[in-house]
Amino acid sequence: MVNIFWFRRDLRLMDNHGLYEALINDPKVLPVFIFDSEIIDKLEDRSDSRIQFIYNQLQYLNKALLHYGSSLLVRYGKPMDVFNQLCSTYKIHTVFTNRDYEPYGINRDHQIQYFLKNQDVNFRSFKDHVIFEEAEIIKYDGKPYSVFTPYARKWKECFDRSLTTPFPSEQYLHNIYSLNHQLPSLAEIGFSQSLIKVPNPTIHLVQIQGYSDTRNTPSANGTTLVGPHLRFGTMSIRSLVLKALETSDTYLNELIWREFFMQILFHFPHTVSENFYSKYNYIEWRNNETEFQRWCEGKTGYPIVDAGMRELNATGHMHNRVRMITASFLTKHLLIDWRWGEAYFASKLLDFELSSNVGNWQWSAGTGCDASPYFRVFNPTEQMKKFDKDYNYIRNWVPEFQDFIYPQPMVDHVFARNRAVDTYKKALAKV
């Protein structure tokens, strides 16, 4: 008889809620990770940096588990098929895992839970990668918040430091099931070595001091770069919130934004592919494929936009301020549907998280909850002067920007702004 802990977006042995609950219960715990073919088979890049990041962390976890006479059981396939095989191989008492709040994950877990119930196997899930989940922060009338400021205010009112108390899973690893299993190679799951250098998955030290002063300067080392670690759970949200409380309220608000978008997606799953506000469904997007390709390649003639896109393509990362500038340019200057940009970011970002990506793209397009007003159109040139006045960031990614070979802006800012405002006005007039 075994219990199973199913690793997903919680790839760590320390302060892991679901793993802790599994380890403090008998019988011993079989650690399992599934390369979900329903997800990864849709990835076009067979050297996707996110698979490399996950694989690196699995190797790290496997090495750590060797000290306890165990290893990870790693499988590739559809979760339902894998659990069918596991139930045929092991006598399973309970499957433990941490909750997922994305539409696919919720539906997958309901199916797995139903299957396991028919196998007389328990299924228990826990809150781990957020402080507040689902409907824990709601308005007094029981409805979810759709505006950030009152949500953040309620979040802080409900917050208690006890919510950052760690779950010391690392202290109970002696209850891991003995196993000698070799990780499959990347080739065996259909992938190759990433061309992008992925960050160290074992990061624990995060520099937040001075974040509010440097976070908008793309050339400075002023952001935490913890996005991938939060996305894949190589560090605990509880430790990060505690650090933010001690050093930076500005950074704490960024973490609350993350949870705000998560609860938006949970309560309004249609926003994965639809505008939060249906009144914007009448926008007549231009969707020029040639212009979209120039944006993707960083050849728009606007240096800060081009720098951002080239950074993304080369590293799987883009500075937060520049993400807003590039998204505004695509949706407002070029009038290209935010869904095109969201999909492109989803294919490139190492820290891609569905709720934040969708939420921020709709924010930039002006079609989402608590969004930037539709008539707010970033001027890329002024943004460059304000946040990269010495061209340090731009020179790094667009070394030819002051050379004769650098293209002229593909669209005039004033013309583009007026066109965008008129297009949005016409759409709203149809409501």
Protein backbone atom coordinates (compact mmCIF):
# COMPACT_ATOMS: atom_id res chain seq x y z
CA MET A 1 0.00 0.00 0.00
CA VAL A 2 1.30 3.48 -0.93
CA ASN A 3 0.19 7.06 -1.01
CA ILE A 4 1.06 9.09 -4.09
CA PHE A 5 2.14 12.69 -4.21
CA TRP A 6 1.55 14.10 -7.67
CA PHE A 7 4.02 16.91 -8.42
CA ARG A 8 2.74 19.55 -10.84
CA ARG A 9 3.48 23.25 -10.46
CA ASP A 10 5.13 22.71 -7.05
CA LEU A 11 8.53 21.32 -7.95
CA ARG A 12 10.22 21.53 -4.55
CA LEU A 13 10.66 19.41 -1.45
CA MET A 14 10.62 22.30 1.03
CA ASP A 15 7.46 24.01 2.30
CA ASN A 16 5.20 22.03 -0.03
CA HIS A 17 1.69 21.82 1.43
CA GLY A 18 0.39 18.77 -0.42
CA LEU A 19 3.66 16.87 -0.04
CA TYR A 20 3.67 17.66 3.67
CA GLU A 21 0.13 16.29 4.10
CA ALA A 22 1.10 13.14 2.23
CA LEU A 23 4.28 12.57 4.24
CA ILE A 24 2.68 12.91 7.68
CA ASN A 25 0.17 10.18 6.82
CA ASP A 26 0.74 6.47 6.40
CA PRO A 27 1.59 4.63 4.18
CA LYS A 28 4.81 5.76 2.53
CA VAL A 29 4.70 8.25 -0.31
CA LEU A 30 5.45 7.48 -3.94
CA PRO A 31 6.50 10.76 -5.66
CA VAL A 32 5.13 11.04 -9.20
CA PHE A 33 5.52 13.58 -11.99
CA ILE A 34 3.67 13.35 -15.30
CA PHE A 35 4.77 15.05 -18.50
CA ASP A 36 1.20 15.71 -19.57
CA SER A 37 1.00 14.92 -23.27
CA GLU A 38 -2.28 16.86 -23.50
CA ILE A 39 -0.21 19.98 -22.79
CA ILE A 40 3.30 19.43 -24.09
CA ASP A 41 2.33 17.84 -27.40
CA LYS A 42 0.85 21.22 -28.36
CA LEU A 43 4.24 22.93 -28.00
CA GLU A 44 5.67 23.67 -31.43
CA ASP A 45 9.25 24.28 -30.28
CA ARG A 46 10.84 20.91 -29.49
CA SER A 47 13.56 22.72 -27.53
CA ASP A 48 11.05 24.65 -25.42
CA SER A 49 12.85 26.30 -22.51
CA ARG A 50 10.03 25.52 -20.08
CA ILE A 51 10.45 21.80 -20.62
CA GLN A 52 14.16 22.29 -19.97
CA PHE A 53 13.40 24.21 -16.77
CA ILE A 54 11.07 21.45 -15.55
CA TYR A 55 13.57 18.76 -16.51
CA ASN A 56 16.40 20.49 -14.67
CA GLN A 57 14.28 20.68 -11.54
CA LEU A 58 13.23 17.05 -11.80
CA GLN A 59 16.91 16.12 -11.92
CA TYR A 60 17.51 18.22 -8.82
CA LEU A 61 14.58 16.62 -6.97
CA ASN A 62 15.70 13.15 -8.03
CA LYS A 63 19.19 13.77 -6.70
CA ALA A 64 17.80 15.02 -3.39
CA LEU A 65 15.54 11.98 -3.04
CA LEU A 66 18.49 9.62 -3.51
CA HIS A 67 19.57 10.54 0.03
CA TYR A 68 16.36 8.91 1.24
CA GLY A 69 16.70 5.80 -0.91
CA SER A 70 14.11 6.97 -3.38
CA SER A 71 13.60 8.76 -6.69
CA LEU A 72 10.88 10.35 -8.74
CA LEU A 73 8.59 8.18 -10.80
CA VAL A 74 8.32 10.15 -14.04
CA ARG A 75 5.85 9.28 -16.76
CA TYR A 76 4.88 10.78 -20.11
CA GLY A 77 1.29 10.56 -21.34
CA LYS A 78 -2.28 11.51 -20.56
CA PRO A 79 -2.80 11.72 -16.77
CA MET A 80 -5.81 9.39 -16.95
CA ASP A 81 -3.77 6.73 -18.74
CA VAL A 82 -0.89 7.11 -16.29
CA PHE A 83 -3.12 6.74 -13.24
CA ASN A 84 -4.78 3.74 -14.80
CA GLN A 85 -1.31 2.16 -15.06
CA LEU A 86 -0.38 3.20 -11.52
CA CYS A 87 -3.55 1.66 -10.10
CA SER A 88 -2.67 -1.57 -11.90
CA THR A 89 0.88 -1.55 -10.51
CA TYR A 90 0.42 -0.31 -6.94
CA LYS A 91 -2.14 -0.65 -4.20
CA ILE A 92 -2.89 3.06 -3.67
CA HIS A 93 -4.58 4.47 -0.59
CA THR A 94 -4.63 8.21 -1.41
CA VAL A 95 -3.40 10.53 -4.15
CA PHE A 96 -2.24 13.88 -2.75
CA THR A 97 -1.64 16.97 -4.87
CA ASN A 98 -1.82 20.77 -4.82
CA ARG A 99 -4.72 22.53 -6.47
CA ASP A 100 -4.73 24.00 -9.96
CA TYR A 101 -7.05 26.90 -10.82
CA GLU A 102 -6.86 26.98 -14.61
CA PRO A 103 -9.81 25.59 -16.60
CA TYR A 104 -7.87 22.65 -18.03
CA GLY A 105 -6.42 21.73 -14.64
CA ILE A 106 -9.78 21.92 -12.87
CA ASN A 107 -11.43 19.68 -15.46
CA ARG A 108 -8.47 17.23 -15.45
CA ASP A 109 -8.58 16.91 -11.66
CA HIS A 110 -12.33 16.30 -11.64
CA GLN A 111 -11.84 13.46 -14.12
CA ILE A 112 -8.94 11.96 -12.16
CA GLN A 113 -10.85 12.21 -8.89
CA TYR A 114 -13.87 10.45 -10.42
CA PHE A 115 -11.65 7.71 -11.86
CA LEU A 116 -9.85 7.17 -8.57
CA LYS A 117 -13.10 7.03 -6.64
CA ASN A 118 -14.18 4.13 -8.84
CA GLN A 119 -10.84 2.48 -8.00
CA ASP A 120 -11.54 2.98 -4.28
CA VAL A 121 -8.65 5.47 -4.08
CA ASN A 122 -8.92 8.77 -2.21
CA PHE A 123 -8.00 12.08 -3.85
CA ARG A 124 -6.95 15.05 -1.69
CA SER A 125 -5.84 18.45 -2.96
CA PHE A 126 -4.45 21.45 -1.09
CA LYS A 127 -3.86 25.17 -1.48
CA ASP A 128 -0.18 25.80 -2.08
CA HIS A 129 0.80 28.34 -4.75
CA VAL A 130 -1.42 31.19 -3.56
CA ILE A 131 -2.22 32.83 -0.23
CA PHE A 132 -5.93 33.18 -1.03
CA GLU A 133 -7.68 30.95 -3.55
CA GLU A 134 -10.92 30.70 -5.48
CA ALA A 135 -13.67 32.45 -3.48
CA GLU A 136 -11.72 33.30 -0.33
CA ILE A 137 -11.56 37.00 -1.28
CA ILE A 138 -15.01 38.11 -2.41
CA LYS A 139 -17.26 41.13 -2.00
CA TYR A 140 -19.80 41.39 0.79
CA ASP A 141 -22.55 40.33 -1.62
CA GLY A 142 -20.68 37.11 -2.35
CA LYS A 143 -19.62 38.15 -5.85
CA PRO A 144 -16.00 38.15 -7.05
CA TYR A 145 -14.03 41.35 -7.40
CA SER A 146 -13.35 42.63 -10.92
CA VAL A 147 -11.36 45.72 -9.86
CA PHE A 148 -7.91 45.34 -8.36
CA THR A 149 -7.81 48.11 -5.73
CA PRO A 150 -10.77 46.90 -3.63
CA TYR A 151 -9.59 43.31 -4.10
CA ALA A 152 -6.13 44.21 -2.79
CA ARG A 153 -7.65 46.12 0.11
CA LYS A 154 -9.78 43.09 1.07
CA TRP A 155 -6.78 40.79 0.57
CA LYS A 156 -4.76 42.80 3.07
CA GLU A 157 -7.65 42.99 5.53
CA CYS A 158 -8.01 39.20 5.47
CA PHE A 159 -4.29 38.51 5.56
CA ASP A 160 -2.69 37.12 8.68
CA ARG A 161 0.98 36.23 9.06
CA SER A 162 -0.01 32.72 10.04
CA LEU A 163 -0.83 32.23 6.35
CA THR A 164 2.91 32.39 5.63
CA THR A 165 3.74 29.63 8.12
CA PRO A 166 5.67 27.00 6.14
CA PHE A 167 4.65 23.37 5.80
CA PRO A 168 7.92 21.60 6.73
CA SER A 169 7.67 18.79 4.19
CA GLU A 170 11.45 18.52 4.07
CA GLN A 171 11.45 17.23 7.67
CA TYR A 172 9.41 14.13 6.79
CA LEU A 173 11.18 12.84 3.71
CA HIS A 174 12.08 9.66 5.58
CA ASN A 175 8.50 8.63 4.77
CA ILE A 176 9.22 8.52 1.03
CA TYR A 177 8.64 5.17 -0.67
CA SER A 178 11.82 3.31 -1.67
CA LEU A 179 12.22 3.50 -5.43
CA ASN A 180 15.03 3.29 -7.95
CA HIS A 181 13.79 4.97 -11.11
CA GLN A 182 15.73 6.62 -13.90
CA LEU A 183 14.41 9.85 -15.38
CA PRO A 184 13.48 9.56 -19.05
CA SER A 185 15.69 11.63 -21.30
CA LEU A 186 14.37 14.73 -23.01
CA ALA A 187 14.57 12.82 -26.27
CA GLU A 188 12.30 10.11 -24.88
CA ILE A 189 9.54 12.66 -24.33
CA GLY A 190 10.08 14.21 -27.74
CA PHE A 191 12.20 17.23 -26.82
CA SER A 192 15.77 18.39 -27.21
CA GLN A 193 18.10 20.61 -25.20
CA SER A 194 16.84 24.18 -24.92
CA LEU A 195 18.64 26.83 -26.92
CA ILE A 196 17.82 29.34 -24.19
CA LYS A 197 19.75 29.32 -20.93
CA VAL A 198 17.19 28.66 -18.22
CA PRO A 199 17.66 30.01 -14.67
CA ASN A 200 18.85 27.92 -11.78
CA PRO A 201 15.80 26.02 -10.49
CA THR A 202 17.12 25.89 -6.93
CA ILE A 203 16.98 29.65 -6.33
CA HIS A 204 16.02 30.63 -2.78
CA LEU A 205 17.49 34.10 -2.33
CA VAL A 206 15.42 36.92 -3.80
CA GLN A 207 16.46 40.56 -3.80
CA ILE A 208 13.44 42.81 -3.23
CA GLN A 209 15.15 45.74 -1.50
CA GLY A 210 14.81 48.84 -3.67
CA TYR A 211 12.31 47.15 -5.99
CA SER A 212 9.97 50.17 -6.13
CA ASP A 213 12.85 52.42 -7.24
CA THR A 214 14.26 50.25 -10.02
CA ARG A 215 11.40 48.06 -11.27
CA ASN A 216 10.57 50.32 -14.23
CA THR A 217 14.12 50.59 -15.57
CA PRO A 218 14.65 47.74 -18.04
CA SER A 219 18.43 48.11 -18.11
CA ALA A 220 18.72 47.78 -14.33
CA ASN A 221 18.81 44.55 -12.40
CA GLY A 222 15.72 45.82 -10.62
CA THR A 223 13.18 43.02 -10.89
CA THR A 224 13.17 39.79 -8.92
CA LEU A 225 13.17 37.38 -11.91
CA VAL A 226 11.18 34.91 -9.82
CA GLY A 227 8.43 34.47 -12.42
CA PRO A 228 9.49 30.97 -13.55
CA HIS A 229 10.06 29.89 -9.95
CA LEU A 230 6.54 30.91 -8.96
CA ARG A 231 5.11 29.40 -12.13
CA PHE A 232 6.68 26.00 -11.55
CA GLY A 233 6.74 26.18 -7.77
CA THR A 234 10.48 25.88 -7.21
CA MET A 235 10.00 28.40 -4.41
CA SER A 236 7.17 28.92 -1.95
CA ILE A 237 4.73 31.81 -2.28
CA ARG A 238 4.61 31.92 1.51
CA SER A 239 8.31 32.69 1.83
CA LEU A 240 8.10 35.31 -0.91
CA VAL A 241 5.11 37.11 0.61
CA LEU A 242 6.83 37.13 3.98
CA LYS A 243 9.91 38.70 2.41
CA ALA A 244 7.77 41.29 0.60
CA LEU A 245 6.05 42.20 3.87
CA GLU A 246 9.42 42.93 5.39
CA THR A 247 10.90 44.90 2.50
CA SER A 248 8.52 46.18 -0.20
CA ASP A 249 4.80 46.94 -0.22
CA THR A 250 5.14 47.64 -3.93
CA TYR A 251 6.30 44.11 -4.57
CA LEU A 252 3.58 42.72 -2.31
CA ASN A 253 1.04 44.44 -4.56
CA GLU A 254 2.57 42.69 -7.56
CA LEU A 255 2.04 39.35 -5.84
CA ILE A 256 -1.55 40.34 -5.10
CA TRP A 257 -2.06 41.22 -8.78
CA ARG A 258 -1.02 37.64 -9.56
CA GLU A 259 -3.71 36.27 -7.25
CA PHE A 260 -6.25 38.80 -8.54
CA PHE A 261 -5.84 37.50 -12.09
CA MET A 262 -5.98 33.90 -10.85
CA GLN A 263 -9.35 34.44 -9.18
CA ILE A 264 -10.60 36.30 -12.27
CA LEU A 265 -9.78 33.28 -14.42
CA PHE A 266 -11.31 30.93 -11.85
CA HIS A 267 -14.60 32.84 -11.71
CA PHE A 268 -14.66 33.86 -15.38
CA PRO A 269 -13.04 31.01 -17.34
CA HIS A 270 -14.42 32.36 -20.62
CA THR A 271 -11.78 35.11 -20.45
CA VAL A 272 -9.17 32.62 -21.67
CA SER A 273 -10.33 33.43 -25.18
CA GLU A 274 -13.00 36.12 -24.82
CA ASN A 275 -13.04 39.74 -23.68
CA PHE A 276 -13.99 40.23 -20.05
CA TYR A 277 -16.38 42.93 -21.23
CA SER A 278 -18.44 41.80 -24.21
CA LYS A 279 -18.97 45.40 -25.30
CA TYR A 280 -15.49 45.24 -26.84
CA ASN A 281 -16.41 42.30 -29.06
CA TYR A 282 -17.25 44.74 -31.84
CA ILE A 283 -13.68 46.03 -32.25
CA GLU A 284 -12.68 45.70 -35.89
CA TRP A 285 -9.14 44.40 -35.53
CA ARG A 286 -6.94 44.93 -38.58
CA ASN A 287 -4.94 41.73 -37.95
CA ASN A 288 -2.35 42.41 -40.64
CA GLU A 289 -0.13 39.31 -40.69
CA THR A 290 2.89 41.10 -42.15
CA GLU A 291 2.77 43.77 -39.45
CA PHE A 292 2.32 41.09 -36.80
CA GLN A 293 5.44 39.33 -38.04
CA ARG A 294 7.45 42.56 -37.84
CA TRP A 295 6.29 42.96 -34.25
CA CYS A 296 7.26 39.36 -33.44
CA GLU A 297 10.73 39.82 -34.88
CA GLY A 298 11.38 43.21 -33.26
CA LYS A 299 11.48 45.16 -36.51
CA THR A 300 8.84 47.85 -35.90
CA GLY A 301 11.16 50.85 -36.05
CA TYR A 302 10.39 51.71 -32.44
CA PRO A 303 13.56 50.85 -30.49
CA ILE A 304 12.01 50.00 -27.12
CA VAL A 305 9.37 47.79 -28.72
CA ASP A 306 12.00 46.04 -30.83
CA ALA A 307 14.33 45.62 -27.85
CA GLY A 308 11.58 43.97 -25.85
CA MET A 309 10.63 41.53 -28.57
CA ARG A 310 14.25 40.60 -29.23
CA GLU A 311 14.85 40.05 -25.52
CA LEU A 312 11.82 37.77 -25.42
CA ASN A 313 12.88 35.78 -28.46
CA ALA A 314 16.45 35.36 -27.22
CA THR A 315 15.86 34.68 -23.52
CA GLY A 316 12.24 33.72 -22.86
CA HIS A 317 12.00 36.80 -20.64
CA MET A 318 10.87 40.38 -21.11
CA HIS A 319 11.05 43.21 -18.62
CA ASN A 320 7.65 43.97 -17.05
CA ARG A 321 7.50 47.62 -18.15
CA VAL A 322 8.45 46.65 -21.69
CA ARG A 323 5.75 43.96 -21.74
CA MET A 324 3.17 46.72 -21.32
CA ILE A 325 4.77 48.85 -24.04
CA THR A 326 4.96 46.02 -26.59
CA ALA A 327 1.42 44.85 -25.82
CA SER A 328 0.02 48.36 -26.15
CA PHE A 329 1.83 48.80 -29.45
CA LEU A 330 0.40 45.62 -30.92
CA THR A 331 -3.19 46.20 -29.84
CA LYS A 332 -3.42 49.99 -30.21
CA HIS A 333 -0.85 51.05 -32.84
CA LEU A 334 -1.36 48.05 -35.10
CA LEU A 335 -4.92 47.14 -34.05
CA ILE A 336 -4.03 43.47 -33.88
CA ASP A 337 -6.22 41.28 -31.68
CA TRP A 338 -4.81 40.83 -28.18
CA ARG A 339 -5.29 37.08 -28.57
CA TRP A 340 -2.54 37.02 -31.21
CA GLY A 341 -0.10 38.67 -28.83
CA GLU A 342 -1.21 36.56 -25.87
CA ALA A 343 -0.59 33.39 -27.86
CA TYR A 344 2.85 34.58 -28.95
CA PHE A 345 3.86 35.44 -25.39
CA ALA A 346 2.46 32.09 -24.26
CA SER A 347 4.76 30.32 -26.72
CA LYS A 348 7.87 32.24 -25.65
CA LEU A 349 7.70 33.26 -21.97
CA LEU A 350 9.55 31.03 -19.55
CA ASP A 351 7.32 32.38 -16.77
CA PHE A 352 4.10 31.97 -18.78
CA GLU A 353 1.12 31.75 -16.47
CA LEU A 354 -2.26 31.65 -18.20
CA SER A 355 -4.17 33.88 -15.79
CA SER A 356 -1.55 36.64 -15.71
CA ASN A 357 -0.88 36.49 -19.44
CA VAL A 358 -4.55 36.72 -20.39
CA GLY A 359 -5.25 39.31 -17.69
CA ASN A 360 -2.37 41.58 -18.65
CA TRP A 361 -3.05 41.35 -22.38
CA GLN A 362 -6.68 42.30 -21.87
CA TRP A 363 -5.52 45.08 -19.55
CA SER A 364 -3.27 46.44 -22.29
CA ALA A 365 -5.96 46.11 -24.95
CA GLY A 366 -8.51 47.84 -22.71
CA THR A 367 -10.97 44.94 -22.99
CA GLY A 368 -10.45 43.28 -19.61
CA CYS A 369 -11.30 43.82 -15.96
CA ASP A 370 -9.80 46.93 -14.37
CA ALA A 371 -8.15 47.58 -17.72
CA SER A 372 -6.21 50.51 -19.04
CA PRO A 373 -8.76 52.86 -20.70
CA TYR A 374 -9.09 52.27 -24.42
CA PHE A 375 -7.98 55.83 -25.15
CA ARG A 376 -4.73 55.32 -23.23
CA VAL A 377 -2.15 54.59 -25.92
CA PHE A 378 1.49 54.41 -24.85
CA ASN A 379 3.80 56.59 -26.91
CA PRO A 380 6.81 54.26 -27.45
CA THR A 381 9.19 57.16 -27.98
CA GLU A 382 8.17 58.89 -24.76
CA GLN A 383 8.33 55.57 -22.89
CA MET A 384 11.87 55.14 -24.17
CA LYS A 385 12.84 58.64 -22.99
CA LYS A 386 11.31 58.02 -19.59
CA PHE A 387 12.57 54.53 -18.84
CA ASP A 388 15.68 54.11 -21.02
CA LYS A 389 16.88 57.64 -21.62
CA ASP A 390 20.51 56.58 -21.95
CA TYR A 391 19.60 53.76 -24.37
CA ASN A 392 21.32 51.14 -22.21
CA TYR A 393 18.56 48.57 -22.63
CA ILE A 394 18.04 49.37 -26.29
CA ARG A 395 21.75 49.20 -27.17
CA ASN A 396 21.88 45.76 -25.64
CA TRP A 397 19.13 44.36 -27.87
CA VAL A 398 19.03 46.73 -30.86
CA PRO A 399 22.65 47.74 -31.45
CA GLU A 400 21.81 49.13 -34.89
CA PHE A 401 19.06 51.49 -33.70
CA GLN A 402 21.09 54.66 -34.45
CA ASP A 403 22.46 53.26 -37.71
CA PHE A 404 21.14 53.95 -41.20
CA ILE A 405 20.03 50.32 -41.53
CA TYR A 406 17.52 50.64 -38.69
CA PRO A 407 14.00 50.92 -40.17
CA GLN A 408 11.76 53.95 -39.84
CA PRO A 409 8.74 53.51 -37.53
CA MET A 410 6.24 51.28 -39.31
CA VAL A 411 3.39 53.57 -38.26
CA ASP A 412 3.21 57.16 -37.06
CA HIS A 413 2.26 57.40 -33.39
CA VAL A 414 -0.28 60.23 -33.71
CA PHE A 415 -1.95 58.58 -36.68
CA ALA A 416 -2.03 55.21 -34.91
CA ARG A 417 -3.42 56.66 -31.71
CA ASN A 418 -6.23 58.48 -33.50
CA ARG A 419 -7.04 55.37 -35.52
CA ALA A 420 -7.20 53.23 -32.39
CA VAL A 421 -9.42 55.66 -30.47
CA ASP A 422 -11.79 55.98 -33.43
CA THR A 423 -11.94 52.19 -33.86
CA TYR A 424 -12.78 51.64 -30.21
CA LYS A 425 -15.39 54.42 -30.25
CA LYS A 426 -17.10 52.85 -33.26
CA ALA A 427 -17.13 49.46 -31.52
CA LEU A 428 -18.68 50.86 -28.36
CA ALA A 429 -21.29 52.73 -30.40
CA LYS A 430 -22.63 49.37 -31.60
CA VAL A 431 -23.44 48.20 -28.09
